Amino acid sequence: QVQLVESGGGSVQSGASLRLACAVSGGSLTDYTVGWFRQAAGKEQEFVSLISREGVYTRYSDSVKGRLSISKDTAKNTVYLQMNGLKPEDTAIYHCAASASSIFILIRPRQYDYWGQGTQVTVSS
């Protein structure tokens, strides 16, 4: 059974940086596309970013493009989300998810098979 565990969240000031990590066990990153989603209080879950199983293809939502960067370390079976220039509107619970689908564009939660518990990111102004 594939398991995902997020870490790296916290409370920061506007403009600060955080690096989220998604550690994957029970499966290899080369077999899964990993995505990050976030959900703010009272709002629907929102796609943030993804990285393909080969690590060649990445995608970002318009709201984070240019500020966030996704990467992975296959040896550590971990995906990272580097978050720079954080804004109060980035405040949310961030979840990583894994999909075994061969489709590149996986921006809907229902396209993912496995989910982590989430990590809270709070950005104050």
PDB file of N, CA and C in Angstrom:
ATOM      1  N   GLN A   1       0.839  -1.188   0.000  1.00  0.00           N
ATOM      2  CA  GLN A   1       0.000   0.000   0.000  1.00  0.00           C
ATOM      3  C   GLN A   1       0.884   1.252   0.000  1.00  0.00           C
ATOM      4  N   VAL A   2       0.626   2.132  -0.936  1.00  0.00           N
ATOM      5  CA  VAL A   2       1.392   3.368  -1.025  1.00  0.00           C
ATOM      6  C   VAL A   2       0.936   4.330   0.060  1.00  0.00           C
ATOM      7  N   GLN A   3       1.895   4.901   0.743  1.00  0.00           N
ATOM      8  CA  GLN A   3       1.599   5.893   1.779  1.00  0.00           C
ATOM      9  C   GLN A   3       2.394   7.154   1.509  1.00  0.00           C
ATOM     10  N   LEU A   4       1.768   8.294   1.785  1.00  0.00           N
ATOM     11  CA  LEU A   4       2.409   9.587   1.591  1.00  0.00           C
ATOM     12  C   LEU A   4       2.347  10.362   2.906  1.00  0.00           C
ATOM     13  N   VAL A   5       3.445  10.979   3.263  1.00  0.00           N
ATOM     14  CA  VAL A   5       3.507  11.769   4.485  1.00  0.00           C
ATOM     15  C   VAL A   5       4.098  13.130   4.163  1.00  0.00           C
ATOM     16  N   GLU A   6       3.324  14.175   4.428  1.00  0.00           N
ATOM     17  CA  GLU A   6       3.799  15.537   4.188  1.00  0.00           C
ATOM     18  C   GLU A   6       4.487  16.093   5.430  1.00  0.00           C
ATOM     19  N   SER A   7       5.405  17.019   5.204  1.00  0.00           N
ATOM     20  CA  SER A   7       6.055  17.728   6.299  1.00  0.00           C
ATOM     21  C   SER A   7       6.522  19.079   5.778  1.00  0.00           C
ATOM     22  N   GLY A   8       6.902  19.951   6.707  1.00  0.00           N
ATOM     23  CA  GLY A   8       7.483  21.226   6.311  1.00  0.00           C
ATOM     24  C   GLY A   8       6.564  22.432   6.426  1.00  0.00           C
ATOM     25  N   GLY A   9       5.314  22.202   6.774  1.00  0.00           N
ATOM     26  CA  GLY A   9       4.411  23.336   6.929  1.00  0.00           C
ATOM     27  C   GLY A   9       4.760  24.169   8.152  1.00  0.00           C
ATOM     28  N   GLY A  10       4.103  25.303   8.275  1.00  0.00           N
ATOM     29  CA  GLY A  10       4.343  26.146   9.432  1.00  0.00           C
ATOM     30  C   GLY A  10       3.658  27.491   9.295  1.00  0.00           C
ATOM     31  N   SER A  11       3.928  28.364  10.250  1.00  0.00           N
ATOM     32  CA  SER A  11       3.376  29.720  10.248  1.00  0.00           C
ATOM     33  C   SER A  11       4.492  30.702   9.952  1.00  0.00           C
ATOM     34  N   VAL A  12       4.315  31.511   8.912  1.00  0.00           N
ATOM     35  CA  VAL A  12       5.355  32.438   8.475  1.00  0.00           C
ATOM     36  C   VAL A  12       4.739  33.786   8.129  1.00  0.00           C
ATOM     37  N   GLN A  13       5.615  34.759   7.975  1.00  0.00           N
ATOM     38  CA  GLN A  13       5.193  36.089   7.551  1.00  0.00           C
ATOM     39  C   GLN A  13       5.126  36.152   6.028  1.00  0.00           C
ATOM     40  N   SER A  14       4.353  37.085   5.551  1.00  0.00           N
ATOM     41  CA  SER A  14       4.247  37.309   4.112  1.00  0.00           C
ATOM     42  C   SER A  14       5.632  37.564   3.515  1.00  0.00           C
ATOM     43  N   GLY A  15       5.905  36.921   2.381  1.00  0.00           N
ATOM     44  CA  GLY A  15       7.195  37.058   1.728  1.00  0.00           C
ATOM     45  C   GLY A  15       8.209  35.990   2.094  1.00  0.00           C
ATOM     46  N   ALA A  16       7.905  35.210   3.118  1.00  0.00           N
ATOM     47  CA  ALA A  16       8.827  34.169   3.569  1.00  0.00           C
ATOM     48  C   ALA A  16       8.783  32.948   2.647  1.00  0.00           C
ATOM     49  N   SER A  17       9.635  31.985   2.956  1.00  0.00           N
ATOM     50  CA  SER A  17       9.716  30.749   2.170  1.00  0.00           C
ATOM     51  C   SER A  17       9.504  29.538   3.060  1.00  0.00           C
ATOM     52  N   LEU A  18       8.982  28.505   2.467  1.00  0.00           N
ATOM     53  CA  LEU A  18       8.858  27.205   3.111  1.00  0.00           C
ATOM     54  C   LEU A  18       9.156  26.137   2.066  1.00  0.00           C
ATOM     55  N   ARG A  19       9.630  24.989   2.529  1.00  0.00           N
ATOM     56  CA  ARG A  19       9.781  23.853   1.640  1.00  0.00           C
ATOM     57  C   ARG A  19       8.984  22.681   2.204  1.00  0.00           C
ATOM     58  N   LEU A  20       7.979  22.288   1.465  1.00  0.00           N
ATOM     59  CA  LEU A  20       7.185  21.128   1.859  1.00  0.00           C
ATOM     60  C   LEU A  20       7.817  19.871   1.274  1.00  0.00           C
ATOM     61  N   ALA A  21       7.697  18.793   2.006  1.00  0.00           N
ATOM     62  CA  ALA A  21       8.194  17.501   1.539  1.00  0.00           C
ATOM     63  C   ALA A  21       7.069  16.479   1.570  1.00  0.00           C
ATOM     64  N   CYS A  22       7.089  15.588   0.613  1.00  0.00           N
ATOM     65  CA  CYS A  22       6.121  14.496   0.538  1.00  0.00           C
ATOM     66  C   CYS A  22       6.908  13.201   0.416  1.00  0.00           C
ATOM     67  N   ALA A  23       6.999  12.468   1.518  1.00  0.00           N
ATOM     68  CA  ALA A  23       7.738  11.209   1.530  1.00  0.00           C
ATOM     69  C   ALA A  23       6.807  10.068   1.142  1.00  0.00           C
ATOM     70  N   VAL A  24       7.227   9.302   0.147  1.00  0.00           N
ATOM     71  CA  VAL A  24       6.402   8.212  -0.379  1.00  0.00           C
ATOM     72  C   VAL A  24       6.996   6.871   0.030  1.00  0.00           C
ATOM     73  N   SER A  25       6.162   5.971   0.525  1.00  0.00           N
ATOM     74  CA  SER A  25       6.594   4.625   0.860  1.00  0.00           C
ATOM     75  C   SER A  25       5.621   3.625   0.257  1.00  0.00           C
ATOM     76  N   GLY A  26       6.098   2.384   0.065  1.00  0.00           N
ATOM     77  CA  GLY A  26       5.251   1.352  -0.507  1.00  0.00           C
ATOM     78  C   GLY A  26       5.160   1.424  -2.018  1.00  0.00           C
ATOM     79  N   GLY A  27       5.948   2.283  -2.623  1.00  0.00           N
ATOM     80  CA  GLY A  27       5.931   2.411  -4.068  1.00  0.00           C
ATOM     81  C   GLY A  27       7.062   3.323  -4.509  1.00  0.00           C
ATOM     82  N   SER A  28       7.405   3.275  -5.783  1.00  0.00           N
ATOM     83  CA  SER A  28       8.499   4.095  -6.309  1.00  0.00           C
ATOM     84  C   SER A  28       7.951   5.328  -7.019  1.00  0.00           C
ATOM     85  N   LEU A  29       8.654   6.447  -6.840  1.00  0.00           N
ATOM     86  CA  LEU A  29       8.234   7.683  -7.499  1.00  0.00           C
ATOM     87  C   LEU A  29       8.258   7.548  -9.022  1.00  0.00           C
ATOM     88  N   THR A  30       9.034   6.616  -9.529  1.00  0.00           N
ATOM     89  CA  THR A  30       9.095   6.437 -10.979  1.00  0.00           C
ATOM     90  C   THR A  30       7.816   5.805 -11.528  1.00  0.00           C
ATOM     91  N   ASP A  31       6.946   5.352 -10.633  1.00  0.00           N
ATOM     92  CA  ASP A  31       5.684   4.744 -11.047  1.00  0.00           C
ATOM     93  C   ASP A  31       4.487   5.676 -10.889  1.00  0.00           C
ATOM     94  N   TYR A  32       4.708   6.855 -10.301  1.00  0.00           N
ATOM     95  CA  TYR A  32       3.589   7.732  -9.972  1.00  0.00           C
ATOM     96  C   TYR A  32       3.862   9.188 -10.336  1.00  0.00           C
ATOM     97  N   THR A  33       2.835   9.839 -10.800  1.00  0.00           N
ATOM     98  CA  THR A  33       2.824  11.296 -10.847  1.00  0.00           C
ATOM     99  C   THR A  33       2.405  11.767  -9.463  1.00  0.00           C
ATOM    100  N   VAL A  34       3.107  12.754  -8.932  1.00  0.00           N
ATOM    101  CA  VAL A  34       2.773  13.288  -7.616  1.00  0.00           C
ATOM    102  C   VAL A  34       2.307  14.732  -7.766  1.00  0.00           C
ATOM    103  N   GLY A  35       1.186  14.995  -7.159  1.00  0.00           N
ATOM    104  CA  GLY A  35       0.634  16.343  -7.209  1.00  0.00           C
ATOM    105  C   GLY A  35       0.486  16.938  -5.826  1.00  0.00           C
ATOM    106  N   TRP A  36       0.414  18.244  -5.791  1.00  0.00           N
ATOM    107  CA  TRP A  36       0.116  18.964  -4.557  1.00  0.00           C
ATOM    108  C   TRP A  36      -1.208  19.697  -4.748  1.00  0.00           C
ATOM    109  N   PHE A  37      -2.038  19.597  -3.747  1.00  0.00           N
ATOM    110  CA  PHE A  37      -3.306  20.306  -3.713  1.00  0.00           C
ATOM    111  C   PHE A  37      -3.380  21.079  -2.398  1.00  0.00           C
ATOM    112  N   ARG A  38      -4.214  22.084  -2.361  1.00  0.00           N
ATOM    113  CA  ARG A  38      -4.405  22.810  -1.109  1.00  0.00           C
ATOM    114  C   ARG A  38      -5.877  23.121  -0.914  1.00  0.00           C
ATOM    115  N   GLN A  39      -6.239  23.252   0.349  1.00  0.00           N
ATOM    116  CA  GLN A  39      -7.610  23.588   0.676  1.00  0.00           C
ATOM    117  C   GLN A  39      -7.632  24.606   1.795  1.00  0.00           C
ATOM    118  N   ALA A  40      -8.099  25.784   1.475  1.00  0.00           N
ATOM    119  CA  ALA A  40      -8.255  26.828   2.479  1.00  0.00           C
ATOM    120  C   ALA A  40      -9.600  26.657   3.175  1.00  0.00           C
ATOM    121  N   ALA A  41      -9.704  27.214   4.340  1.00  0.00           N
ATOM    122  CA  ALA A  41     -10.931  27.091   5.128  1.00  0.00           C
ATOM    123  C   ALA A  41     -12.120  27.635   4.334  1.00  0.00           C
ATOM    124  N   GLY A  42     -13.156  26.822   4.210  1.00  0.00           N
ATOM    125  CA  GLY A  42     -14.361  27.257   3.526  1.00  0.00           C
ATOM    126  C   GLY A  42     -14.289  27.251   2.019  1.00  0.00           C
ATOM    127  N   LYS A  43     -13.184  26.734   1.468  1.00  0.00           N
ATOM    128  CA  LYS A  43     -13.028  26.723   0.011  1.00  0.00           C
ATOM    129  C   LYS A  43     -12.829  25.304  -0.505  1.00  0.00           C
ATOM    130  N   GLU A  44     -13.005  25.137  -1.797  1.00  0.00           N
ATOM    131  CA  GLU A  44     -12.798  23.835  -2.399  1.00  0.00           C
ATOM    132  C   GLU A  44     -11.307  23.542  -2.551  1.00  0.00           C
ATOM    133  N   GLN A  45     -11.021  22.269  -2.674  1.00  0.00           N
ATOM    134  CA  GLN A  45      -9.644  21.860  -2.885  1.00  0.00           C
ATOM    135  C   GLN A  45      -9.148  22.393  -4.225  1.00  0.00           C
ATOM    136  N   GLU A  46      -7.895  22.860  -4.235  1.00  0.00           N
ATOM    137  CA  GLU A  46      -7.343  23.523  -5.402  1.00  0.00           C
ATOM    138  C   GLU A  46      -6.041  22.861  -5.824  1.00  0.00           C
ATOM    139  N   PHE A  47      -5.883  22.602  -7.113  1.00  0.00           N
ATOM    140  CA  PHE A  47      -4.632  22.072  -7.644  1.00  0.00           C
ATOM    141  C   PHE A  47      -3.535  23.128  -7.518  1.00  0.00           C
ATOM    142  N   VAL A  48      -2.348  22.678  -7.111  1.00  0.00           N
ATOM    143  CA  VAL A  48      -1.210  23.590  -6.962  1.00  0.00           C
ATOM    144  C   VAL A  48      -0.111  23.267  -7.973  1.00  0.00           C
ATOM    145  N   SER A  49       0.332  22.008  -7.981  1.00  0.00           N
ATOM    146  CA  SER A  49       1.459  21.649  -8.833  1.00  0.00           C
ATOM    147  C   SER A  49       1.527  20.139  -8.972  1.00  0.00           C
ATOM    148  N   LEU A  50       2.243  19.673 -10.000  1.00  0.00           N
ATOM    149  CA  LEU A  50       2.493  18.250 -10.146  1.00  0.00           C
ATOM    150  C   LEU A  50       3.836  18.034 -10.814  1.00  0.00           C
ATOM    151  N   ILE A  51       4.361  16.822 -10.615  1.00  0.00           N
ATOM    152  CA  ILE A  51       5.581  16.407 -11.288  1.00  0.00           C
ATOM    153  C   ILE A  51       5.350  14.994 -11.809  1.00  0.00           C
ATOM    154  N   SER A  52       5.723  14.761 -13.061  1.00  0.00           N
ATOM    155  CA  SER A  52       5.467  13.470 -13.689  1.00  0.00           C
ATOM    156  C   SER A  52       6.388  12.397 -13.120  1.00  0.00           C
ATOM    157  N   ARG A  53       6.048  11.159 -13.407  1.00  0.00           N
ATOM    158  CA  ARG A  53       6.823  10.050 -12.873  1.00  0.00           C
ATOM    159  C   ARG A  53       8.272  10.116 -13.315  1.00  0.00           C
ATOM    160  N   GLU A  54       8.528  10.608 -14.536  1.00  0.00           N
ATOM    161  CA  GLU A  54       9.921  10.705 -15.015  1.00  0.00           C
ATOM    162  C   GLU A  54      10.611  11.954 -14.477  1.00  0.00           C
ATOM    163  N   GLY A  55       9.813  12.867 -13.917  1.00  0.00           N
ATOM    164  CA  GLY A  55      10.364  14.111 -13.417  1.00  0.00           C
ATOM    165  C   GLY A  55      10.611  15.146 -14.490  1.00  0.00           C
ATOM    166  N   VAL A  56      10.185  14.857 -15.709  1.00  0.00           N
ATOM    167  CA  VAL A  56      10.445  15.756 -16.829  1.00  0.00           C
ATOM    168  C   VAL A  56       9.363  16.824 -16.950  1.00  0.00           C
ATOM    169  N   TYR A  57       8.133  16.430 -16.687  1.00  0.00           N
ATOM    170  CA  TYR A  57       7.005  17.346 -16.863  1.00  0.00           C
ATOM    171  C   TYR A  57       6.526  17.873 -15.516  1.00  0.00           C
ATOM    172  N   THR A  58       6.404  19.188 -15.419  1.00  0.00           N
ATOM    173  CA  THR A  58       5.841  19.818 -14.228  1.00  0.00           C
ATOM    174  C   THR A  58       4.750  20.786 -14.659  1.00  0.00           C
ATOM    175  N   ARG A  59       3.866  21.060 -13.731  1.00  0.00           N
ATOM    176  CA  ARG A  59       2.763  21.977 -14.030  1.00  0.00           C
ATOM    177  C   ARG A  59       2.427  22.734 -12.766  1.00  0.00           C
ATOM    178  N   TYR A  60       2.007  23.997 -12.933  1.00  0.00           N
ATOM    179  CA  TYR A  60       1.652  24.842 -11.792  1.00  0.00           C
ATOM    180  C   TYR A  60       0.336  25.557 -12.067  1.00  0.00           C
ATOM    181  N   SER A  61      -0.384  25.846 -11.007  1.00  0.00           N
ATOM    182  CA  SER A  61      -1.569  26.672 -11.164  1.00  0.00           C
ATOM    183  C   SER A  61      -1.119  28.110 -11.414  1.00  0.00           C
ATOM    184  N   ASP A  62      -1.963  28.894 -12.026  1.00  0.00           N
ATOM    185  CA  ASP A  62      -1.613  30.280 -12.328  1.00  0.00           C
ATOM    186  C   ASP A  62      -1.338  31.076 -11.055  1.00  0.00           C
ATOM    187  N   SER A  63      -1.997  30.713  -9.968  1.00  0.00           N
ATOM    188  CA  SER A  63      -1.864  31.474  -8.729  1.00  0.00           C
ATOM    189  C   SER A  63      -0.510  31.294  -8.048  1.00  0.00           C
ATOM    190  N   VAL A  64       0.224  30.250  -8.407  1.00  0.00           N
ATOM    191  CA  VAL A  64       1.510  30.005  -7.758  1.00  0.00           C
ATOM    192  C   VAL A  64       2.682  30.044  -8.733  1.00  0.00           C
ATOM    193  N   LYS A  65       2.392  30.118 -10.021  1.00  0.00           N
ATOM    194  CA  LYS A  65       3.446  30.080 -11.027  1.00  0.00           C
ATOM    195  C   LYS A  65       4.451  31.196 -10.788  1.00  0.00           C
ATOM    196  N   GLY A  66       5.731  30.842 -10.816  1.00  0.00           N
ATOM    197  CA  GLY A  66       6.785  31.810 -10.591  1.00  0.00           C
ATOM    198  C   GLY A  66       7.218  31.939  -9.146  1.00  0.00           C
ATOM    199  N   ARG A  67       6.416  31.406  -8.235  1.00  0.00           N
ATOM    200  CA  ARG A  67       6.759  31.484  -6.808  1.00  0.00           C
ATOM    201  C   ARG A  67       7.041  30.109  -6.217  1.00  0.00           C
ATOM    202  N   LEU A  68       6.406  29.082  -6.754  1.00  0.00           N
ATOM    203  CA  LEU A  68       6.590  27.730  -6.232  1.00  0.00           C
ATOM    204  C   LEU A  68       7.340  26.873  -7.249  1.00  0.00           C
ATOM    205  N   SER A  69       8.081  25.928  -6.732  1.00  0.00           N
ATOM    206  CA  SER A  69       8.849  25.046  -7.583  1.00  0.00           C
ATOM    207  C   SER A  69       8.778  23.624  -7.045  1.00  0.00           C
ATOM    208  N   ILE A  70       8.419  22.685  -7.924  1.00  0.00           N
ATOM    209  CA  ILE A  70       8.308  21.283  -7.513  1.00  0.00           C
ATOM    210  C   ILE A  70       9.514  20.508  -8.021  1.00  0.00           C
ATOM    211  N   SER A  71       9.971  19.579  -7.215  1.00  0.00           N
ATOM    212  CA  SER A  71      11.106  18.742  -7.603  1.00  0.00           C
ATOM    213  C   SER A  71      10.982  17.417  -6.876  1.00  0.00           C
ATOM    214  N   LYS A  72      11.846  16.477  -7.248  1.00  0.00           N
ATOM    215  CA  LYS A  72      11.830  15.224  -6.517  1.00  0.00           C
ATOM    216  C   LYS A  72      13.211  14.626  -6.441  1.00  0.00           C
ATOM    217  N   ASP A  73      13.404  13.835  -5.390  1.00  0.00           N
ATOM    218  CA  ASP A  73      14.625  13.093  -5.158  1.00  0.00           C
ATOM    219  C   ASP A  73      14.229  11.615  -5.202  1.00  0.00           C
ATOM    220  N   THR A  74      14.525  10.992  -6.309  1.00  0.00           N
ATOM    221  CA  THR A  74      14.107   9.594  -6.487  1.00  0.00           C
ATOM    222  C   THR A  74      14.782   8.675  -5.473  1.00  0.00           C
ATOM    223  N   ALA A  75      16.040   8.965  -5.137  1.00  0.00           N
ATOM    224  CA  ALA A  75      16.765   8.126  -4.172  1.00  0.00           C
ATOM    225  C   ALA A  75      16.092   8.161  -2.800  1.00  0.00           C
ATOM    226  N   LYS A  76      15.521   9.312  -2.456  1.00  0.00           N
ATOM    227  CA  LYS A  76      14.845   9.454  -1.167  1.00  0.00           C
ATOM    228  C   LYS A  76      13.342   9.205  -1.290  1.00  0.00           C
ATOM    229  N   ASN A  77      12.884   8.971  -2.514  1.00  0.00           N
ATOM    230  CA  ASN A  77      11.450   8.767  -2.753  1.00  0.00           C
ATOM    231  C   ASN A  77      10.615   9.902  -2.179  1.00  0.00           C
ATOM    232  N   THR A  78      11.088  11.112  -2.388  1.00  0.00           N
ATOM    233  CA  THR A  78      10.461  12.288  -1.802  1.00  0.00           C
ATOM    234  C   THR A  78      10.272  13.370  -2.859  1.00  0.00           C
ATOM    235  N   VAL A  79       9.127  14.008  -2.803  1.00  0.00           N
ATOM    236  CA  VAL A  79       8.824  15.144  -3.670  1.00  0.00           C
ATOM    237  C   VAL A  79       8.820  16.401  -2.814  1.00  0.00           C
ATOM    238  N   TYR A  80       9.390  17.469  -3.353  1.00  0.00           N
ATOM    239  CA  TYR A  80       9.483  18.728  -2.623  1.00  0.00           C
ATOM    240  C   TYR A  80       8.681  19.824  -3.322  1.00  0.00           C
ATOM    241  N   LEU A  81       8.152  20.727  -2.524  1.00  0.00           N
ATOM    242  CA  LEU A  81       7.490  21.909  -3.055  1.00  0.00           C
ATOM    243  C   LEU A  81       8.132  23.114  -2.379  1.00  0.00           C
ATOM    244  N   GLN A  82       9.008  23.784  -3.115  1.00  0.00           N
ATOM    245  CA  GLN A  82       9.656  24.990  -2.611  1.00  0.00           C
ATOM    246  C   GLN A  82       8.725  26.166  -2.817  1.00  0.00           C
ATOM    247  N   MET A  83       8.398  26.843  -1.732  1.00  0.00           N
ATOM    248  CA  MET A  83       7.428  27.932  -1.770  1.00  0.00           C
ATOM    249  C   MET A  83       8.125  29.226  -1.383  1.00  0.00           C
ATOM    250  N   ASN A  84       8.255  30.131  -2.330  1.00  0.00           N
ATOM    251  CA  ASN A  84       8.887  31.422  -2.104  1.00  0.00           C
ATOM    252  C   ASN A  84       7.863  32.540  -2.245  1.00  0.00           C
ATOM    253  N   GLY A  85       8.156  33.669  -1.646  1.00  0.00           N
ATOM    254  CA  GLY A  85       7.260  34.817  -1.777  1.00  0.00           C
ATOM    255  C   GLY A  85       5.851  34.510  -1.312  1.00  0.00           C
ATOM    256  N   LEU A  86       5.733  33.838  -0.175  1.00  0.00           N
ATOM    257  CA  LEU A  86       4.422  33.415   0.297  1.00  0.00           C
ATOM    258  C   LEU A  86       3.512  34.608   0.590  1.00  0.00           C
ATOM    259  N   LYS A  87       2.242  34.405   0.306  1.00  0.00           N
ATOM    260  CA  LYS A  87       1.229  35.442   0.496  1.00  0.00           C
ATOM    261  C   LYS A  87       0.156  34.910   1.448  1.00  0.00           C
ATOM    262  N   PRO A  88      -0.588  35.783   2.089  1.00  0.00           N
ATOM    263  CA  PRO A  88      -1.663  35.323   2.978  1.00  0.00           C
ATOM    264  C   PRO A  88      -2.652  34.399   2.271  1.00  0.00           C
ATOM    265  N   GLU A  89      -2.876  34.617   0.982  1.00  0.00           N
ATOM    266  CA  GLU A  89      -3.816  33.767   0.252  1.00  0.00           C
ATOM    267  C   GLU A  89      -3.267  32.366  -0.010  1.00  0.00           C
ATOM    268  N   ASP A  90      -2.019  32.125   0.333  1.00  0.00           N
ATOM    269  CA  ASP A  90      -1.468  30.771   0.244  1.00  0.00           C
ATOM    270  C   ASP A  90      -1.813  29.942   1.475  1.00  0.00           C
ATOM    271  N   THR A  91      -2.406  30.562   2.475  1.00  0.00           N
ATOM    272  CA  THR A  91      -2.780  29.854   3.692  1.00  0.00           C
ATOM    273  C   THR A  91      -3.776  28.748   3.389  1.00  0.00           C
ATOM    274  N   ALA A  92      -3.429  27.523   3.766  1.00  0.00           N
ATOM    275  CA  ALA A  92      -4.264  26.360   3.471  1.00  0.00           C
ATOM    276  C   ALA A  92      -3.610  25.116   4.059  1.00  0.00           C
ATOM    277  N   ILE A  93      -4.350  24.032   4.012  1.00  0.00           N
ATOM    278  CA  ILE A  93      -3.757  22.715   4.270  1.00  0.00           C
ATOM    279  C   ILE A  93      -3.285  22.179   2.923  1.00  0.00           C
ATOM    280  N   TYR A  94      -2.039  21.767   2.876  1.00  0.00           N
ATOM    281  CA  TYR A  94      -1.447  21.271   1.639  1.00  0.00           C
ATOM    282  C   TYR A  94      -1.351  19.744   1.711  1.00  0.00           C
ATOM    283  N   HIS A  95      -1.886  19.104   0.692  1.00  0.00           N
ATOM    284  CA  HIS A  95      -1.846  17.646   0.581  1.00  0.00           C
ATOM    285  C   HIS A  95      -1.046  17.258  -0.655  1.00  0.00           C
ATOM    286  N   CYS A  96      -0.255  16.177  -0.524  1.00  0.00           N
ATOM    287  CA  CYS A  96       0.322  15.590  -1.712  1.00  0.00           C
ATOM    288  C   CYS A  96      -0.466  14.316  -2.043  1.00  0.00           C
ATOM    289  N   ALA A  97      -0.434  13.962  -3.307  1.00  0.00           N
ATOM    290  CA  ALA A  97      -1.195  12.815  -3.778  1.00  0.00           C
ATOM    291  C   ALA A  97      -0.431  12.134  -4.906  1.00  0.00           C
ATOM    292  N   ALA A  98      -0.643  10.831  -5.066  1.00  0.00           N
ATOM    293  CA  ALA A  98       0.041  10.059  -6.098  1.00  0.00           C
ATOM    294  C   ALA A  98      -0.967   9.420  -7.028  1.00  0.00           C
ATOM    295  N   SER A  99      -0.631   9.465  -8.305  1.00  0.00           N
ATOM    296  CA  SER A  99      -1.491   8.866  -9.321  1.00  0.00           C
ATOM    297  C   SER A  99      -0.685   7.916 -10.181  1.00  0.00           C
ATOM    298  N   ALA A 100      -1.261   6.734 -10.435  1.00  0.00           N
ATOM    299  CA  ALA A 100      -0.607   5.750 -11.290  1.00  0.00           C
ATOM    300  C   ALA A 100      -0.983   5.942 -12.754  1.00  0.00           C
ATOM    301  N   SER A 101      -1.815   6.926 -13.044  1.00  0.00           N
ATOM    302  CA  SER A 101      -2.261   7.164 -14.408  1.00  0.00           C
ATOM    303  C   SER A 101      -1.099   7.599 -15.296  1.00  0.00           C
ATOM    304  N   SER A 102      -1.167   7.235 -16.567  1.00  0.00           N
ATOM    305  CA  SER A 102      -0.141   7.629 -17.522  1.00  0.00           C
ATOM    306  C   SER A 102      -0.456   8.992 -18.157  1.00  0.00           C
ATOM    307  N   ILE A 103      -1.590   9.555 -17.800  1.00  0.00           N
ATOM    308  CA  ILE A 103      -1.962  10.879 -18.318  1.00  0.00           C
ATOM    309  C   ILE A 103      -1.077  11.941 -17.682  1.00  0.00           C
ATOM    310  N   PHE A 104      -0.621  12.909 -18.448  1.00  0.00           N
ATOM    311  CA  PHE A 104       0.241  13.952 -17.918  1.00  0.00           C
ATOM    312  C   PHE A 104      -0.521  14.993 -17.130  1.00  0.00           C
ATOM    313  N   ILE A 105      -1.674  15.400 -17.647  1.00  0.00           N
ATOM    314  CA  ILE A 105      -2.398  16.506 -17.039  1.00  0.00           C
ATOM    315  C   ILE A 105      -3.357  15.955 -15.996  1.00  0.00           C
ATOM    316  N   LEU A 106      -2.901  15.914 -14.780  1.00  0.00           N
ATOM    317  CA  LEU A 106      -3.681  15.378 -13.662  1.00  0.00           C
ATOM    318  C   LEU A 106      -3.915  16.498 -12.669  1.00  0.00           C
ATOM    319  N   ILE A 107      -4.958  17.286 -12.883  1.00  0.00           N
ATOM    320  CA  ILE A 107      -5.194  18.452 -12.045  1.00  0.00           C
ATOM    321  C   ILE A 107      -6.469  18.343 -11.230  1.00  0.00           C
ATOM    322  N   ARG A 108      -7.128  17.186 -11.307  1.00  0.00           N
ATOM    323  CA  ARG A 108      -8.348  16.978 -10.522  1.00  0.00           C
ATOM    324  C   ARG A 108      -8.101  15.967  -9.417  1.00  0.00           C
ATOM    325  N   PRO A 109      -8.573  16.256  -8.216  1.00  0.00           N
ATOM    326  CA  PRO A 109      -8.334  15.337  -7.092  1.00  0.00           C
ATOM    327  C   PRO A 109      -8.760  13.896  -7.381  1.00  0.00           C
ATOM    328  N   ARG A 110      -9.830  13.722  -8.144  1.00  0.00           N
ATOM    329  CA  ARG A 110     -10.330  12.371  -8.366  1.00  0.00           C
ATOM    330  C   ARG A 110      -9.409  11.544  -9.269  1.00  0.00           C
ATOM    331  N   GLN A 111      -8.430  12.207  -9.880  1.00  0.00           N
ATOM    332  CA  GLN A 111      -7.488  11.492 -10.730  1.00  0.00           C
ATOM    333  C   GLN A 111      -6.352  10.844  -9.933  1.00  0.00           C
ATOM    334  N   TYR A 112      -6.329  11.098  -8.629  1.00  0.00           N
ATOM    335  CA  TYR A 112      -5.255  10.599  -7.785  1.00  0.00           C
ATOM    336  C   TYR A 112      -5.728   9.438  -6.922  1.00  0.00           C
ATOM    337  N   ASP A 113      -4.799   8.511  -6.711  1.00  0.00           N
ATOM    338  CA  ASP A 113      -5.141   7.261  -6.033  1.00  0.00           C
ATOM    339  C   ASP A 113      -4.815   7.256  -4.548  1.00  0.00           C
ATOM    340  N   TYR A 114      -3.749   7.962  -4.169  1.00  0.00           N
ATOM    341  CA  TYR A 114      -3.283   7.927  -2.786  1.00  0.00           C
ATOM    342  C   TYR A 114      -3.050   9.356  -2.301  1.00  0.00           C
ATOM    343  N   TRP A 115      -3.349   9.575  -1.020  1.00  0.00           N
ATOM    344  CA  TRP A 115      -3.264  10.913  -0.447  1.00  0.00           C
ATOM    345  C   TRP A 115      -2.554  10.891   0.898  1.00  0.00           C
ATOM    346  N   GLY A 116      -1.850  11.972   1.181  1.00  0.00           N
ATOM    347  CA  GLY A 116      -1.293  12.163   2.502  1.00  0.00           C
ATOM    348  C   GLY A 116      -2.290  12.879   3.399  1.00  0.00           C
ATOM    349  N   GLN A 117      -1.910  13.032   4.665  1.00  0.00           N
ATOM    350  CA  GLN A 117      -2.800  13.631   5.654  1.00  0.00           C
ATOM    351  C   GLN A 117      -2.812  15.156   5.597  1.00  0.00           C
ATOM    352  N   GLY A 118      -1.783  15.733   5.018  1.00  0.00           N
ATOM    353  CA  GLY A 118      -1.740  17.179   4.866  1.00  0.00           C
ATOM    354  C   GLY A 118      -0.845  17.871   5.871  1.00  0.00           C
ATOM    355  N   THR A 119      -0.403  19.060   5.505  1.00  0.00           N
ATOM    356  CA  THR A 119       0.399  19.891   6.386  1.00  0.00           C
ATOM    357  C   THR A 119      -0.106  21.332   6.267  1.00  0.00           C
ATOM    358  N   GLN A 120      -0.237  21.998   7.407  1.00  0.00           N
ATOM    359  CA  GLN A 120      -0.816  23.340   7.434  1.00  0.00           C
ATOM    360  C   GLN A 120       0.236  24.393   7.101  1.00  0.00           C
ATOM    361  N   VAL A 121      -0.129  25.286   6.218  1.00  0.00           N
ATOM    362  CA  VAL A 121       0.689  26.464   5.912  1.00  0.00           C
ATOM    363  C   VAL A 121      -0.141  27.698   6.239  1.00  0.00           C
ATOM    364  N   THR A 122       0.403  28.544   7.096  1.00  0.00           N
ATOM    365  CA  THR A 122      -0.285  29.772   7.481  1.00  0.00           C
ATOM    366  C   THR A 122       0.642  30.956   7.214  1.00  0.00           C
ATOM    367  N   VAL A 123       0.153  31.905   6.437  1.00  0.00           N
ATOM    368  CA  VAL A 123       0.943  33.075   6.078  1.00  0.00           C
ATOM    369  C   VAL A 123       0.228  34.315   6.579  1.00  0.00           C
ATOM    370  N   SER A 124       0.895  35.060   7.427  1.00  0.00           N
ATOM    371  CA  SER A 124       0.296  36.266   7.981  1.00  0.00           C
ATOM    372  C   SER A 124       0.889  37.502   7.319  1.00  0.00           C
ATOM    373  N   SER A 125       0.084  38.535   7.264  1.00  0.00           N
ATOM    374  CA  SER A 125       0.525  39.768   6.587  1.00  0.00           C
ATOM    375  C   SER A 125       1.251  40.701   7.533  1.00  0.00           C
TER     376      SER A 125
END
